[in-house]
Amino acid sequence: MKAFLVFTGTGPILILTTYPDIGDPRLVEKLGHKGIRKFIAYEVPIDRVRGLYGIPFEVVAGDLEATEDMRVLDFNGHHIFNNFSLAELGEPLKYGD
């Protein structure tokens, strides 16, 4: 399982996914179905996300155990920005034109 901080046109979201990377065509298609066709994403350490979100993380992660899919863990931009320092983010992964 991986976690990504995804910057979209409407603000940041934090997703959990069982897909191998953010550029996986199946994940990109799922994001497209949600209206996200262009984004900048950063992988964030799954253990850090688990520690920050606790029970909600476990519930969402449990939902993903039996399937290859993605779930939004947090869509509150203010909350996400308070939890992650921009300095700790690595190289961005960009998708779209």
Protein backbone atom coordinates (compact mmCIF):
# COMPACT_ATOMS: atom_id res chain seq x y z
CA MET A 1 0.00 0.00 0.00
CA LYS A 2 1.14 3.52 -0.79
CA ALA A 3 0.04 7.01 0.22
CA PHE A 4 0.11 10.05 -2.02
CA LEU A 5 -0.49 13.73 -1.36
CA VAL A 6 -2.20 14.82 -4.57
CA PHE A 7 -2.57 18.49 -5.53
CA THR A 8 -5.63 18.89 -7.74
CA GLY A 9 -7.45 21.87 -9.21
CA THR A 10 -9.72 22.01 -6.15
CA GLY A 11 -7.04 21.48 -3.53
CA PRO A 12 -4.95 18.71 -1.98
CA ILE A 13 -6.21 15.23 -1.16
CA LEU A 14 -4.47 12.38 0.59
CA ILE A 15 -5.06 8.99 -0.99
CA LEU A 16 -4.20 5.41 -0.13
CA THR A 17 -3.77 2.98 -2.97
CA THR A 18 -2.75 -0.57 -3.67
CA TYR A 19 -1.60 0.36 -7.18
CA PRO A 20 2.20 0.28 -7.57
CA ASP A 21 2.58 3.99 -8.42
CA ILE A 22 0.63 7.18 -9.04
CA GLY A 23 1.18 6.93 -12.80
CA ASP A 24 -0.43 3.49 -13.06
CA PRO A 25 -2.99 3.81 -15.89
CA ARG A 26 -5.70 2.17 -13.77
CA LEU A 27 -5.19 4.68 -10.95
CA VAL A 28 -5.04 7.59 -13.40
CA GLU A 29 -8.33 6.36 -14.90
CA LYS A 30 -9.96 6.21 -11.44
CA LEU A 31 -8.79 9.74 -10.66
CA GLY A 32 -10.16 10.83 -14.04
CA HIS A 33 -13.57 9.42 -13.12
CA LYS A 34 -13.45 11.72 -10.09
CA GLY A 35 -12.74 14.69 -12.37
CA ILE A 36 -9.01 14.75 -11.63
CA ARG A 37 -7.27 14.77 -14.99
CA LYS A 38 -4.24 16.86 -14.09
CA PHE A 39 -2.33 16.72 -10.82
CA ILE A 40 0.95 16.98 -8.99
CA ALA A 41 1.56 14.21 -6.45
CA TYR A 42 4.08 13.35 -3.77
CA GLU A 43 4.48 9.92 -2.25
CA VAL A 44 4.41 10.17 1.54
CA PRO A 45 5.68 7.49 3.93
CA ILE A 46 2.89 5.05 4.74
CA ASP A 47 4.07 4.67 8.34
CA ARG A 48 3.86 8.44 8.84
CA VAL A 49 0.32 8.47 7.46
CA ARG A 50 -0.63 5.52 9.68
CA GLY A 51 0.74 7.37 12.73
CA LEU A 52 -1.03 10.62 11.89
CA TYR A 53 -4.44 9.20 11.02
CA GLY A 54 -4.68 6.18 13.35
CA ILE A 55 -8.11 4.50 13.30
CA PRO A 56 -9.35 6.26 10.12
CA PHE A 57 -6.21 5.00 8.36
CA GLU A 58 -6.86 1.45 9.56
CA VAL A 59 -10.49 1.57 8.39
CA VAL A 60 -9.60 2.86 4.91
CA ALA A 61 -6.60 0.53 4.59
CA GLY A 62 -8.77 -2.41 5.64
CA ASP A 63 -11.19 -1.56 2.88
CA LEU A 64 -8.34 -1.84 0.37
CA GLU A 65 -6.95 -5.17 1.59
CA ALA A 66 -8.95 -7.38 -0.76
CA THR A 67 -8.79 -5.26 -3.89
CA GLU A 68 -6.56 -3.22 -6.15
CA ASP A 69 -8.01 0.25 -5.81
CA MET A 70 -7.64 3.68 -4.21
CA ARG A 71 -9.44 5.56 -1.46
CA VAL A 72 -9.34 9.18 -0.35
CA LEU A 73 -8.19 9.31 3.27
CA ASP A 74 -8.36 13.10 3.68
CA PHE A 75 -9.73 15.90 1.50
CA ASN A 76 -9.39 18.73 4.03
CA GLY A 77 -6.57 20.84 2.62
CA HIS A 78 -6.05 22.77 5.86
CA HIS A 79 -5.70 19.51 7.82
CA ILE A 80 -3.34 18.00 5.24
CA PHE A 81 -1.11 21.09 5.20
CA ASN A 82 -0.91 21.04 9.01
CA ASN A 83 0.15 17.39 8.98
CA PHE A 84 2.83 17.47 6.27
CA SER A 85 5.74 19.85 5.93
CA LEU A 86 6.55 20.83 2.35
CA ALA A 87 10.23 20.37 3.27
CA GLU A 88 9.67 16.64 3.90
CA LEU A 89 8.13 16.00 0.48
CA GLY A 90 10.35 14.48 -2.18
CA GLU A 91 10.28 14.98 -5.92
CA PRO A 92 6.85 15.68 -7.43
CA LEU A 93 5.17 13.31 -9.83
CA LYS A 94 3.32 15.29 -12.47
CA TYR A 95 0.46 14.07 -14.62
CA GLY A 96 -1.45 15.89 -17.35
CA ASP A 97 -0.56 18.68 -19.73
